[in-house]
Amino acid sequence: MFAADEEGRPVLSVESLATEPVTADQFATGRLDALHRIDWIPVRTLPSEIEAEYVDNWQGGPDVLAAAQANAATALARIQQPGEAVFVIDGSLAQAPVRGLVRVAQQEHPGRFVLIETDGSGDLAAAVASGEPELRISGGVTRAPRLAKVSTVDAPVTWSGTVLVTGGPHGEDIARHLGAEHLVFFDGDPADADALAKVLNDISEEHPLTAVIHAPAPAATALVDSLTPEQLAEALRHKAAAAYNLHEQTRDLANFVVLASATSLLYGTGQAASAAGDCFVEALAQLRQADGLPATTLAFGTWGEPNETFTALGLPELSTEDGLKAFDAALSAPEALVVPIRLDHATLRARAGELPALLSGLVKVPAKQAGDSGAELRKKLAGLPDDEVDRVLLDVVRTHVAAVLGHAGPESIEPGRAFKELGFDSLAAVELRKQLTAATGLSLPATLVFDYPTSLEAAAFLRAGIAPNADSTAPVLEEVERLEQLLASVPADGTARITARLEALLRKWNDSQTAAEVTETDYEDATDDELFNMLDNELGL
């Protein structure tokens, strides 16, 4: 079998095909389908002289938590300043929160920031020039992160001894699910070292502590530009400090599990503070594994709570049941970071031009979907009268608003209704901006939804950028095309007069264009002789 696209280019050939029976269970949302890991793939780089501001003034020292807080504050302060920057980190625990902040800042401000983890080898400029938003340089090799499937083995976890579960959105669900004979559910503050020590000291020696599951509460939501140092510090306290205290005060564990969020990796708009804490606990898990200690961080997508915005982005929620299955399966995976998240591949493929680089290894996009951003729309608008341009752009805005909100189609979006009334939050606002940027090719402001709060106003703003004079040449070009058709029907013996008239018209057109190029600056910069020549020509002398 051979298949080609509409232009005759080969896209598929099959010499033989084998089939085997499948069961309904294989199509269910199972443990393996929802579990992912981060792979680092080599990236080809070339020497570059690109200039950039490199931010690498981080703190270290024995007080890891204090250094992490200080480094996060430094990164936030630079992110909130104008201009592009490259953040260079070494992969240490104290610098881990920087990774989370920059990842979210990249999502909220595409193209402004690059994140590079390096061991000191390699060429930073060449890495920046690769176009990847995040890179790792190790042993002189540059790599970029990609989401990949996890292969697990059926090794059920037995929860013997005492299991400590901290409070949080899913802490109670997990506590009920474990079926542990001895369970301590701590709804206090693990970031309080003294309070945690008291709870641990109360665990009997007869049933010693064998497992810790930390399920921190979500952090405050704020766009990175408006995130305060206090909000950031509070998020790091509940996530980073709590996990670090658990790490420091426990010994001889069979399992050390921390729940995090996939927003530190994908679509984390408004979640910069949470992402900073999540990246710290991810780095802590890697540190523990390197030291031969058990550790797993689970960066969940939406779990047990339907979210129309994430569903529209191609990341539907896991049910509570599937989330707990993913929890069980992740503990048998060797990776320190496991990402339980559902991917709607059809929806993601349809959003080809807007996909995060992290997904490019899993979501294969047809080549014909790649191309000049906005070119198709500009081609569609070419030659349209003003009212039709307005209609098309309004339809573009309403279509993307509906897609972001998970509505069936643009007809459900009232043109004059405020985005806020339609249910927009910070994630939806940034996502609409991304989609419209991809559709139009324009560089749109981060405050688009707030400055132009209805579909009508947003469409008018796009009109000013993508088609400021959409109709100015259309009537003339239509007449030229009509004239071309008429000329084709003129007999050979009648062309002389027409040719002379056309040549005269062309000379007049060229003269008018030349005259238009003579500006005030021309006269100001001209010499006396040039001025007299201009006057002579103008007066016909």
Protein backbone atom coordinates (compact mmCIF):
# COMPACT_ATOMS: atom_id res chain seq x y z
CA MET A 1 0.00 0.00 0.00
CA PHE A 2 1.23 3.47 -0.88
CA ALA A 3 -0.26 6.83 0.18
CA ALA A 4 0.55 10.40 -0.83
CA ASP A 5 -0.63 13.83 0.25
CA GLU A 6 -2.64 16.22 -1.92
CA GLU A 7 0.54 17.46 -3.61
CA GLY A 8 1.70 13.97 -4.53
CA ARG A 9 4.44 13.66 -1.89
CA PRO A 10 4.78 10.14 -0.39
CA VAL A 11 3.68 9.96 3.23
CA LEU A 12 3.18 6.22 3.82
CA SER A 13 4.13 2.85 2.38
CA VAL A 14 3.21 -0.54 3.85
CA GLU A 15 4.69 -3.80 2.59
CA SER A 16 2.93 -6.09 5.07
CA LEU A 17 0.53 -5.80 8.00
CA ALA A 18 0.06 -8.20 10.91
CA THR A 19 -2.81 -8.03 13.39
CA GLU A 20 -3.54 -9.59 16.77
CA PRO A 21 -6.64 -9.59 18.97
CA VAL A 22 -6.99 -6.94 21.67
CA THR A 23 -9.17 -6.69 24.73
CA ALA A 24 -11.21 -3.79 26.03
CA ASP A 25 -8.86 -3.50 29.00
CA GLN A 26 -6.05 -2.48 26.70
CA PHE A 27 -7.95 0.65 25.73
CA ALA A 28 -8.68 1.71 29.29
CA THR A 29 -6.80 4.54 30.98
CA GLY A 30 -4.36 2.27 32.73
CA ARG A 31 -1.31 2.71 34.83
CA LEU A 32 1.23 2.60 32.04
CA ASP A 33 -0.57 4.95 29.67
CA ALA A 34 -0.66 7.80 32.17
CA LEU A 35 2.87 7.48 33.55
CA HIS A 36 5.69 9.53 32.05
CA ARG A 37 9.27 10.46 32.77
CA ILE A 38 11.70 13.12 31.57
CA ASP A 39 14.28 12.02 29.00
CA TRP A 40 17.21 14.26 28.05
CA ILE A 41 17.95 13.96 24.34
CA PRO A 42 21.08 15.27 22.58
CA VAL A 43 20.67 18.56 20.75
CA ARG A 44 22.83 19.52 17.81
CA THR A 45 24.50 22.89 18.38
CA LEU A 46 26.78 25.07 16.28
CA PRO A 47 29.28 27.71 17.40
CA SER A 48 27.53 31.02 17.92
CA GLU A 49 28.44 34.59 18.82
CA ILE A 50 24.99 35.36 20.14
CA GLU A 51 25.06 37.89 22.97
CA ALA A 52 22.94 37.35 26.07
CA GLU A 53 22.61 38.34 29.69
CA TYR A 54 23.61 35.35 31.79
CA VAL A 55 22.18 35.17 35.32
CA ASP A 56 24.28 32.92 37.56
CA ASN A 57 24.84 34.83 40.81
CA TRP A 58 23.46 32.15 43.12
CA GLN A 59 24.10 31.47 46.79
CA GLY A 60 25.25 28.20 48.35
CA GLY A 61 26.43 27.15 51.79
CA PRO A 62 25.43 24.63 54.44
CA ASP A 63 21.95 26.09 55.00
CA VAL A 64 20.29 24.65 51.90
CA LEU A 65 16.84 26.06 52.61
CA ALA A 66 18.12 29.60 53.18
CA ALA A 67 20.15 29.45 49.97
CA ALA A 68 17.16 28.10 48.04
CA GLN A 69 14.98 30.95 49.33
CA ALA A 70 17.62 33.54 48.41
CA ASN A 71 18.18 32.10 44.93
CA ALA A 72 14.46 31.97 44.23
CA ALA A 73 14.13 35.63 45.26
CA THR A 74 17.05 36.59 43.00
CA ALA A 75 15.52 34.78 40.03
CA LEU A 76 12.10 36.32 40.63
CA ALA A 77 13.57 39.83 40.81
CA ARG A 78 15.32 39.38 37.44
CA ILE A 79 12.28 37.79 35.80
CA GLN A 80 10.18 40.78 36.81
CA GLN A 81 12.61 43.15 35.08
CA PRO A 82 12.27 43.86 31.34
CA GLY A 83 14.43 42.18 28.75
CA GLU A 84 15.66 38.72 27.84
CA ALA A 85 17.94 36.63 30.06
CA VAL A 86 19.61 33.23 30.25
CA PHE A 87 19.48 31.57 33.67
CA VAL A 88 22.46 29.28 34.30
CA ILE A 89 22.23 26.76 37.16
CA ASP A 90 24.33 23.81 38.29
CA GLY A 91 21.57 21.34 39.22
CA SER A 92 22.16 21.66 42.96
CA LEU A 93 19.36 21.56 45.51
CA ALA A 94 19.85 25.23 46.45
CA GLN A 95 19.35 26.32 42.82
CA ALA A 96 16.44 23.98 42.05
CA PRO A 97 13.65 26.57 42.71
CA VAL A 98 15.14 28.74 39.95
CA ARG A 99 14.23 26.01 37.45
CA GLY A 100 10.56 26.09 38.41
CA LEU A 101 10.32 29.89 38.31
CA VAL A 102 11.98 30.14 34.92
CA ARG A 103 9.89 27.34 33.41
CA VAL A 104 6.67 29.15 34.28
CA ALA A 105 8.10 32.52 33.22
CA GLN A 106 8.89 30.96 29.83
CA GLN A 107 5.26 29.93 29.48
CA GLU A 108 3.95 33.36 30.45
CA HIS A 109 6.56 35.24 28.37
CA PRO A 110 7.49 33.02 25.40
CA GLY A 111 10.90 33.71 23.93
CA ARG A 112 12.25 35.90 26.76
CA PHE A 113 14.07 33.38 28.93
CA VAL A 114 16.35 30.37 28.50
CA LEU A 115 17.29 27.93 31.26
CA ILE A 116 20.60 26.04 31.14
CA GLU A 117 21.87 23.54 33.68
CA THR A 118 25.59 22.99 33.21
CA ASP A 119 28.55 21.25 34.79
CA GLY A 120 30.81 23.95 33.40
CA SER A 121 31.50 22.24 30.10
CA GLY A 122 30.16 23.15 26.69
CA ASP A 123 29.33 26.39 24.91
CA LEU A 124 26.55 28.45 26.50
CA ALA A 125 26.11 30.68 23.44
CA ALA A 126 25.74 27.66 21.16
CA ALA A 127 23.16 26.21 23.54
CA VAL A 128 21.17 29.44 23.55
CA ALA A 129 21.29 29.58 19.75
CA SER A 130 19.73 26.09 19.55
CA GLY A 131 16.31 27.64 20.19
CA GLU A 132 15.45 25.19 22.97
CA PRO A 133 13.91 26.84 26.06
CA GLU A 134 15.64 24.48 28.52
CA LEU A 135 18.92 22.63 28.19
CA ARG A 136 21.40 20.57 30.17
CA ILE A 137 25.13 20.55 29.36
CA SER A 138 27.04 17.63 30.82
CA GLY A 139 30.41 16.33 29.73
CA GLY A 140 30.33 18.77 26.83
CA VAL A 141 27.08 17.29 25.45
CA THR A 142 24.00 19.51 25.21
CA ARG A 143 20.62 17.92 25.82
CA ALA A 144 17.00 19.04 25.97
CA PRO A 145 14.13 17.56 28.03
CA ARG A 146 11.35 15.50 26.45
CA LEU A 147 8.40 13.71 28.03
CA ALA A 148 8.52 9.94 27.49
CA LYS A 149 6.57 6.88 28.60
CA VAL A 150 7.48 5.04 31.79
CA SER A 151 7.85 1.26 31.71
CA THR A 152 6.87 -0.19 35.07
CA VAL A 153 6.94 -3.66 36.51
CA ASP A 154 4.23 -5.23 38.62
CA ALA A 155 5.90 -5.03 42.00
CA PRO A 156 3.12 -4.23 44.46
CA VAL A 157 4.16 -2.16 47.46
CA THR A 158 3.45 -3.58 50.88
CA TRP A 159 2.93 -0.96 53.55
CA SER A 160 4.31 -2.60 56.68
CA GLY A 161 5.21 -0.73 59.84
CA THR A 162 3.93 2.83 60.22
CA VAL A 163 3.19 5.11 57.28
CA LEU A 164 3.20 8.90 57.76
CA VAL A 165 0.94 10.87 55.41
CA THR A 166 0.88 14.66 55.52
CA GLY A 167 -2.31 16.61 54.86
CA GLY A 168 -3.17 18.07 51.46
CA PRO A 169 -5.74 17.79 48.65
CA HIS A 170 -5.00 14.11 48.00
CA GLY A 171 -3.46 13.12 51.30
CA GLU A 172 -6.73 11.75 52.68
CA ASP A 173 -7.48 9.87 49.44
CA ILE A 174 -4.07 8.21 49.60
CA ALA A 175 -4.37 7.45 53.31
CA ARG A 176 -7.66 5.60 52.72
CA HIS A 177 -6.23 3.84 49.68
CA LEU A 178 -3.07 2.47 51.28
CA GLY A 179 -4.72 0.03 53.62
CA ALA A 180 -1.74 0.33 55.93
CA GLU A 181 -2.20 -1.31 59.32
CA HIS A 182 -0.52 1.57 61.12
CA LEU A 183 -1.11 5.00 59.65
CA VAL A 184 -0.31 8.44 61.01
CA PHE A 185 -2.16 11.21 59.20
CA PHE A 186 -0.40 14.48 60.03
CA ASP A 187 -2.53 17.51 59.12
CA GLY A 188 -0.14 19.91 60.81
CA ASP A 189 2.78 21.79 59.27
CA PRO A 190 5.79 19.60 58.39
CA ALA A 191 7.73 22.81 57.72
CA ASP A 192 7.68 23.29 61.49
CA ALA A 193 10.67 21.14 62.43
CA ASP A 194 9.73 20.97 66.11
CA ALA A 195 6.12 19.96 65.45
CA LEU A 196 7.27 17.29 63.01
CA ALA A 197 9.84 15.94 65.47
CA LYS A 198 7.13 15.56 68.12
CA VAL A 199 4.94 13.51 65.76
CA LEU A 200 7.85 11.29 64.75
CA ASN A 201 8.91 10.74 68.35
CA ASP A 202 5.40 9.53 69.20
CA ILE A 203 5.63 6.64 66.71
CA SER A 204 6.12 3.42 68.66
CA GLU A 205 9.24 1.32 68.32
CA GLU A 206 7.02 -1.74 67.92
CA HIS A 207 5.75 -0.37 64.61
CA PRO A 208 8.59 1.85 63.34
CA LEU A 209 8.17 4.41 60.57
CA THR A 210 8.77 2.78 57.18
CA ALA A 211 7.25 5.23 54.71
CA VAL A 212 6.59 8.96 54.28
CA ILE A 213 4.06 10.43 51.84
CA HIS A 214 4.07 14.22 51.66
CA ALA A 215 1.02 15.76 49.96
CA PRO A 216 1.45 19.54 50.34
CA ALA A 217 -1.39 22.00 49.89
CA PRO A 218 -1.36 24.05 46.66
CA ALA A 219 0.46 27.38 46.64
CA ALA A 220 -1.04 30.78 45.92
CA THR A 221 -1.83 31.47 42.26
CA ALA A 222 -0.28 34.58 40.68
CA LEU A 223 1.24 35.51 37.35
CA VAL A 224 5.00 35.75 37.67
CA ASP A 225 4.97 39.51 37.06
CA SER A 226 2.73 40.05 40.08
CA LEU A 227 4.12 37.29 42.31
CA THR A 228 5.43 38.76 45.58
CA PRO A 229 8.54 37.56 47.43
CA GLU A 230 6.28 36.76 50.39
CA GLN A 231 4.05 34.47 48.30
CA LEU A 232 7.12 32.74 46.90
CA ALA A 233 8.64 32.26 50.36
CA GLU A 234 5.38 30.81 51.69
CA ALA A 235 5.18 28.30 48.82
CA LEU A 236 8.76 27.20 49.41
CA ARG A 237 8.05 26.79 53.10
CA HIS A 238 5.09 24.44 52.56
CA LYS A 239 6.73 22.43 49.79
CA ALA A 240 10.52 22.66 50.02
CA ALA A 241 11.03 23.15 53.76
CA ALA A 242 8.45 20.52 54.67
CA ALA A 243 9.99 17.90 52.36
CA TYR A 244 13.50 18.75 53.53
CA ASN A 245 12.50 18.39 57.18
CA LEU A 246 11.01 14.99 56.43
CA HIS A 247 14.25 14.05 54.67
CA GLU A 248 16.41 15.21 57.56
CA GLN A 249 14.37 13.70 60.38
CA THR A 250 13.64 10.21 59.03
CA ARG A 251 15.82 7.14 58.58
CA ASP A 252 15.60 3.54 57.29
CA LEU A 253 12.54 4.12 55.09
CA ALA A 254 11.19 1.80 52.43
CA ASN A 255 9.38 4.64 50.62
CA PHE A 256 9.76 8.42 50.55
CA VAL A 257 7.08 9.91 48.30
CA VAL A 258 6.30 13.57 47.57
CA LEU A 259 3.33 14.73 45.52
CA ALA A 260 3.96 17.66 43.17
CA SER A 261 2.24 19.20 40.16
CA ALA A 262 2.89 18.83 36.44
CA THR A 263 2.44 22.60 36.14
CA SER A 264 6.17 22.86 36.85
CA LEU A 265 6.56 21.18 33.44
CA LEU A 266 3.49 22.03 31.35
CA TYR A 267 0.96 24.87 31.23
CA GLY A 268 1.94 26.30 34.60
CA THR A 269 0.63 29.80 34.01
CA GLY A 270 0.03 31.44 37.38
CA GLN A 271 1.83 28.61 39.20
CA ALA A 272 5.37 29.99 39.46
CA ALA A 273 5.50 29.78 43.26
CA SER A 274 4.23 26.20 43.24
CA ALA A 275 6.67 25.24 40.47
CA ALA A 276 9.61 26.60 42.47
CA GLY A 277 8.71 24.31 45.38
CA ASP A 278 7.99 21.35 43.11
CA CYS A 279 11.39 21.59 41.42
CA PHE A 280 13.04 21.62 44.84
CA VAL A 281 11.35 18.37 45.89
CA GLU A 282 12.17 16.83 42.50
CA ALA A 283 15.84 17.67 43.05
CA LEU A 284 15.61 16.33 46.60
CA ALA A 285 14.31 13.00 45.29
CA GLN A 286 17.21 12.79 42.84
CA LEU A 287 19.67 13.59 45.63
CA ARG A 288 18.21 10.87 47.85
CA GLN A 289 18.40 8.29 45.06
CA ALA A 290 22.01 9.27 44.37
CA ASP A 291 22.72 8.58 48.04
CA GLY A 292 21.04 5.17 47.85
CA LEU A 293 17.86 6.30 49.63
CA PRO A 294 14.31 5.64 48.41
CA ALA A 295 12.56 8.62 46.82
CA THR A 296 9.85 9.29 44.26
CA THR A 297 8.30 12.60 43.28
CA LEU A 298 4.98 12.35 41.45
CA ALA A 299 4.20 15.43 39.35
CA PHE A 300 0.49 14.90 38.76
CA GLY A 301 -1.61 16.54 36.11
CA THR A 302 -5.22 17.38 37.00
CA TRP A 303 -6.50 14.62 39.23
CA GLY A 304 -10.06 13.99 40.36
CA GLU A 305 -11.24 17.49 39.44
CA PRO A 306 -12.39 18.17 35.85
CA ASN A 307 -10.82 21.29 34.35
CA GLU A 308 -12.22 22.48 31.03
CA THR A 309 -9.19 24.62 30.22
CA PHE A 310 -6.72 21.75 30.62
CA THR A 311 -9.03 19.42 28.71
CA ALA A 312 -9.13 21.90 25.84
CA LEU A 313 -5.33 22.02 25.90
CA GLY A 314 -5.17 18.23 25.47
CA LEU A 315 -4.56 17.30 29.12
CA PRO A 316 -7.79 15.76 30.45
CA GLU A 317 -7.98 14.93 34.13
CA LEU A 318 -7.22 11.61 35.75
CA SER A 319 -10.11 10.19 37.74
CA THR A 320 -9.48 9.68 41.44
CA GLU A 321 -9.34 5.93 40.81
CA ASP A 322 -6.83 6.28 37.97
CA GLY A 323 -4.79 8.72 40.04
CA LEU A 324 -4.47 6.17 42.82
CA LYS A 325 -3.56 3.46 40.29
CA ALA A 326 -0.88 5.77 38.93
CA PHE A 327 0.36 6.35 42.47
CA ASP A 328 0.76 2.60 43.02
CA ALA A 329 2.46 1.99 39.68
CA ALA A 330 4.85 4.94 39.99
CA LEU A 331 6.43 3.47 43.09
CA SER A 332 7.73 0.52 41.06
CA ALA A 333 9.38 2.83 38.51
CA PRO A 334 13.11 3.52 38.89
CA GLU A 335 12.84 7.23 38.08
CA ALA A 336 13.06 9.84 40.85
CA LEU A 337 10.47 11.94 38.97
CA VAL A 338 7.35 10.33 37.55
CA VAL A 339 4.69 12.39 35.77
CA PRO A 340 1.19 10.86 35.98
CA ILE A 341 -0.70 12.76 33.31
CA ARG A 342 -3.19 11.94 30.58
CA LEU A 343 -2.49 13.14 27.06
CA ASP A 344 -5.19 13.61 24.44
CA HIS A 345 -3.00 13.12 21.38
CA ALA A 346 -5.64 14.15 18.84
CA THR A 347 -6.20 17.50 20.58
CA LEU A 348 -2.48 18.03 21.02
CA ARG A 349 -1.77 17.31 17.34
CA ALA A 350 -4.42 19.84 16.36
CA ARG A 351 -2.49 22.44 18.36
CA ALA A 352 0.74 21.68 16.53
CA GLY A 353 2.14 25.21 16.38
CA GLU A 354 1.54 25.84 20.09
CA LEU A 355 2.92 22.67 21.68
CA PRO A 356 5.60 22.94 24.37
CA ALA A 357 8.96 21.52 23.31
CA LEU A 358 8.65 19.01 26.17
CA LEU A 359 5.85 17.20 24.29
CA SER A 360 7.55 17.02 20.90
CA GLY A 361 8.91 13.54 21.55
CA LEU A 362 5.45 12.07 22.23
CA VAL A 363 3.15 14.09 19.97
CA LYS A 364 4.00 13.66 16.32
CA VAL A 365 2.83 16.55 14.15
CA PRO A 366 2.25 16.22 10.38
CA ALA A 367 4.88 18.15 8.46
CA LYS A 368 2.29 20.17 6.58
CA GLN A 369 1.18 21.75 9.84
CA ALA A 370 4.54 23.45 10.21
CA GLY A 371 5.04 26.78 8.49
CA ASP A 372 5.00 30.55 8.73
CA SER A 373 2.92 31.60 11.71
CA GLY A 374 0.04 33.75 10.49
CA ALA A 375 0.73 33.19 6.79
CA GLU A 376 -2.54 31.37 6.14
CA LEU A 377 -4.58 34.07 7.87
CA ARG A 378 -2.85 36.87 5.98
CA LYS A 379 -3.48 35.05 2.74
CA LYS A 380 -7.14 34.68 3.66
CA LEU A 381 -7.45 38.39 4.47
CA ALA A 382 -5.71 39.58 1.30
CA GLY A 383 -8.10 41.51 -0.90
CA LEU A 384 -11.08 41.34 1.45
CA PRO A 385 -13.16 44.49 2.04
CA ASP A 386 -13.00 46.11 5.48
CA ASP A 387 -16.19 44.63 6.89
CA GLU A 388 -15.18 41.12 5.81
CA VAL A 389 -11.72 41.53 7.41
CA ASP A 390 -13.41 42.50 10.65
CA ARG A 391 -15.72 39.48 10.47
CA VAL A 392 -12.89 37.03 9.80
CA LEU A 393 -10.72 38.35 12.64
CA LEU A 394 -13.65 38.31 15.06
CA ASP A 395 -14.32 34.71 14.08
CA VAL A 396 -10.63 33.87 14.68
CA VAL A 397 -10.77 35.37 18.18
CA ARG A 398 -14.08 33.69 19.07
CA THR A 399 -12.83 30.33 17.75
CA HIS A 400 -9.75 30.42 19.95
CA VAL A 401 -11.68 31.70 22.96
CA ALA A 402 -14.04 28.75 22.58
CA ALA A 403 -11.09 26.35 22.24
CA VAL A 404 -9.40 27.69 25.38
CA LEU A 405 -12.61 27.42 27.41
CA GLY A 406 -13.51 24.00 26.01
CA HIS A 407 -16.70 25.18 24.27
CA ALA A 408 -18.12 23.47 21.22
CA GLY A 409 -17.55 26.35 18.81
CA PRO A 410 -17.32 30.14 18.28
CA GLU A 411 -21.10 30.56 18.15
CA SER A 412 -21.19 30.07 21.91
CA ILE A 413 -18.97 33.14 22.47
CA GLU A 414 -20.82 36.46 22.57
CA PRO A 415 -18.62 39.05 20.79
CA GLY A 416 -19.25 41.81 23.32
CA ARG A 417 -19.13 39.73 26.50
CA ALA A 418 -16.13 40.22 28.78
CA PHE A 419 -13.61 37.39 28.93
CA LYS A 420 -13.80 37.44 32.71
CA GLU A 421 -17.55 36.80 32.57
CA LEU A 422 -16.90 33.88 30.22
CA GLY A 423 -14.76 32.23 32.89
CA PHE A 424 -11.21 33.30 31.98
CA ASP A 425 -8.48 32.82 34.57
CA SER A 426 -4.76 33.55 34.28
CA LEU A 427 -4.04 30.25 32.50
CA ALA A 428 -6.81 30.85 29.96
CA ALA A 429 -5.58 34.43 29.39
CA VAL A 430 -2.04 33.35 28.61
CA GLU A 431 -3.21 30.41 26.52
CA LEU A 432 -5.44 32.65 24.38
CA ARG A 433 -2.51 34.97 23.82
CA LYS A 434 -0.35 32.02 22.72
CA GLN A 435 -2.99 30.70 20.34
CA LEU A 436 -3.63 34.10 18.77
CA THR A 437 0.11 34.69 18.43
CA ALA A 438 0.42 31.41 16.54
CA ALA A 439 -2.62 32.17 14.39
CA THR A 440 -1.60 35.73 13.46
CA GLY A 441 2.17 35.81 13.68
CA LEU A 442 1.92 38.98 15.76
CA SER A 443 3.85 39.69 18.94
CA LEU A 444 0.96 40.18 21.35
CA PRO A 445 1.19 41.75 24.82
CA ALA A 446 0.98 39.58 27.92
CA THR A 447 -1.93 41.76 29.06
CA LEU A 448 -3.96 41.22 25.88
CA VAL A 449 -7.05 39.86 27.63
CA PHE A 450 -7.01 42.64 30.21
CA ASP A 451 -6.34 45.51 27.78
CA TYR A 452 -8.88 44.24 25.23
CA PRO A 453 -11.41 42.39 27.43
CA THR A 454 -13.94 41.27 24.80
CA SER A 455 -13.73 39.38 21.53
CA LEU A 456 -14.72 42.52 19.63
CA GLU A 457 -11.97 44.60 21.21
CA ALA A 458 -9.37 41.88 20.77
CA ALA A 459 -10.30 41.48 17.09
CA ALA A 460 -9.98 45.22 16.55
CA PHE A 461 -6.52 45.13 18.10
CA LEU A 462 -5.50 42.26 15.80
CA ARG A 463 -6.85 44.21 12.83
CA ALA A 464 -4.50 47.09 13.59
CA GLY A 465 -1.53 44.71 13.58
CA ILE A 466 -2.24 42.13 10.91
CA ALA A 467 -4.31 44.10 8.41
CA PRO A 468 -3.89 47.84 9.00
CA ASN A 469 -4.56 48.59 5.33
CA ALA A 470 -6.22 45.39 4.24
CA ASP A 471 -8.52 47.13 1.76
CA SER A 472 -6.30 49.94 0.44
CA THR A 473 -5.00 48.13 -2.65
CA ALA A 474 -7.73 45.54 -3.12
CA PRO A 475 -9.96 47.56 -5.52
CA VAL A 476 -6.96 48.55 -7.67
CA LEU A 477 -5.70 45.00 -7.89
CA GLU A 478 -9.17 43.78 -8.82
CA GLU A 479 -9.27 46.30 -11.69
CA VAL A 480 -5.78 45.31 -12.85
CA GLU A 481 -6.87 41.69 -12.93
CA ARG A 482 -9.98 42.63 -14.91
CA LEU A 483 -7.85 44.64 -17.31
CA GLU A 484 -5.54 41.67 -17.78
CA GLN A 485 -8.51 39.55 -18.79
CA LEU A 486 -9.68 42.21 -21.29
CA LEU A 487 -6.22 42.53 -22.84
CA ALA A 488 -6.20 38.82 -23.58
CA SER A 489 -9.20 39.31 -25.88
CA VAL A 490 -7.77 42.25 -27.93
CA PRO A 491 -6.96 41.32 -31.57
CA ALA A 492 -3.34 41.70 -32.70
CA ASP A 493 -4.08 44.65 -35.04
CA GLY A 494 -5.52 46.77 -32.20
CA THR A 495 -2.68 46.66 -29.70
CA ALA A 496 -0.60 49.70 -30.72
CA ARG A 497 -2.83 52.40 -29.18
CA ILE A 498 -3.42 50.31 -26.07
CA THR A 499 0.29 49.67 -25.65
CA ALA A 500 1.06 53.41 -25.92
CA ARG A 501 -1.62 54.24 -23.37
CA LEU A 502 -0.38 51.61 -20.94
CA GLU A 503 3.22 52.78 -21.26
CA ALA A 504 2.15 56.37 -20.61
CA LEU A 505 0.17 55.24 -17.57
CA LEU A 506 3.14 53.26 -16.26
CA ARG A 507 5.45 56.31 -16.68
CA LYS A 508 2.99 58.46 -14.78
CA TRP A 509 2.74 55.84 -12.00
CA ASN A 510 6.52 55.58 -11.71
CA ASP A 511 6.87 59.36 -11.61
CA SER A 512 4.31 59.60 -8.81
CA GLN A 513 6.19 57.01 -6.78
CA THR A 514 9.49 58.83 -7.32
CA ALA A 515 7.92 62.10 -6.22
CA ALA A 516 6.56 60.46 -3.08
CA GLU A 517 10.09 59.51 -2.09
CA VAL A 518 11.19 63.17 -2.04
CA THR A 519 10.66 64.12 1.59
CA GLU A 520 11.44 67.10 3.76
CA THR A 521 14.67 65.40 4.78
CA ASP A 522 15.72 65.30 1.13
CA TYR A 523 15.58 69.09 0.92
CA GLU A 524 17.29 69.59 4.25
CA ASP A 525 20.22 67.38 3.27
CA ALA A 526 20.51 68.65 -0.32
CA THR A 527 23.31 70.96 -1.53
CA ASP A 528 22.58 74.33 -3.15
CA ASP A 529 23.17 72.90 -6.64
CA GLU A 530 20.80 69.99 -5.90
CA LEU A 531 18.12 72.37 -4.67
CA PHE A 532 18.36 74.52 -7.83
CA ASN A 533 18.18 71.41 -10.01
CA MET A 534 15.06 70.26 -8.13
CA LEU A 535 13.42 73.66 -8.66
CA ASP A 536 14.34 73.69 -12.33
CA ASN A 537 12.83 70.24 -12.80
CA GLU A 538 9.69 71.19 -10.90
CA LEU A 539 9.22 74.39 -12.93
CA GLY A 540 10.13 72.72 -16.21
CA LEU A 541 13.14 75.02 -16.84
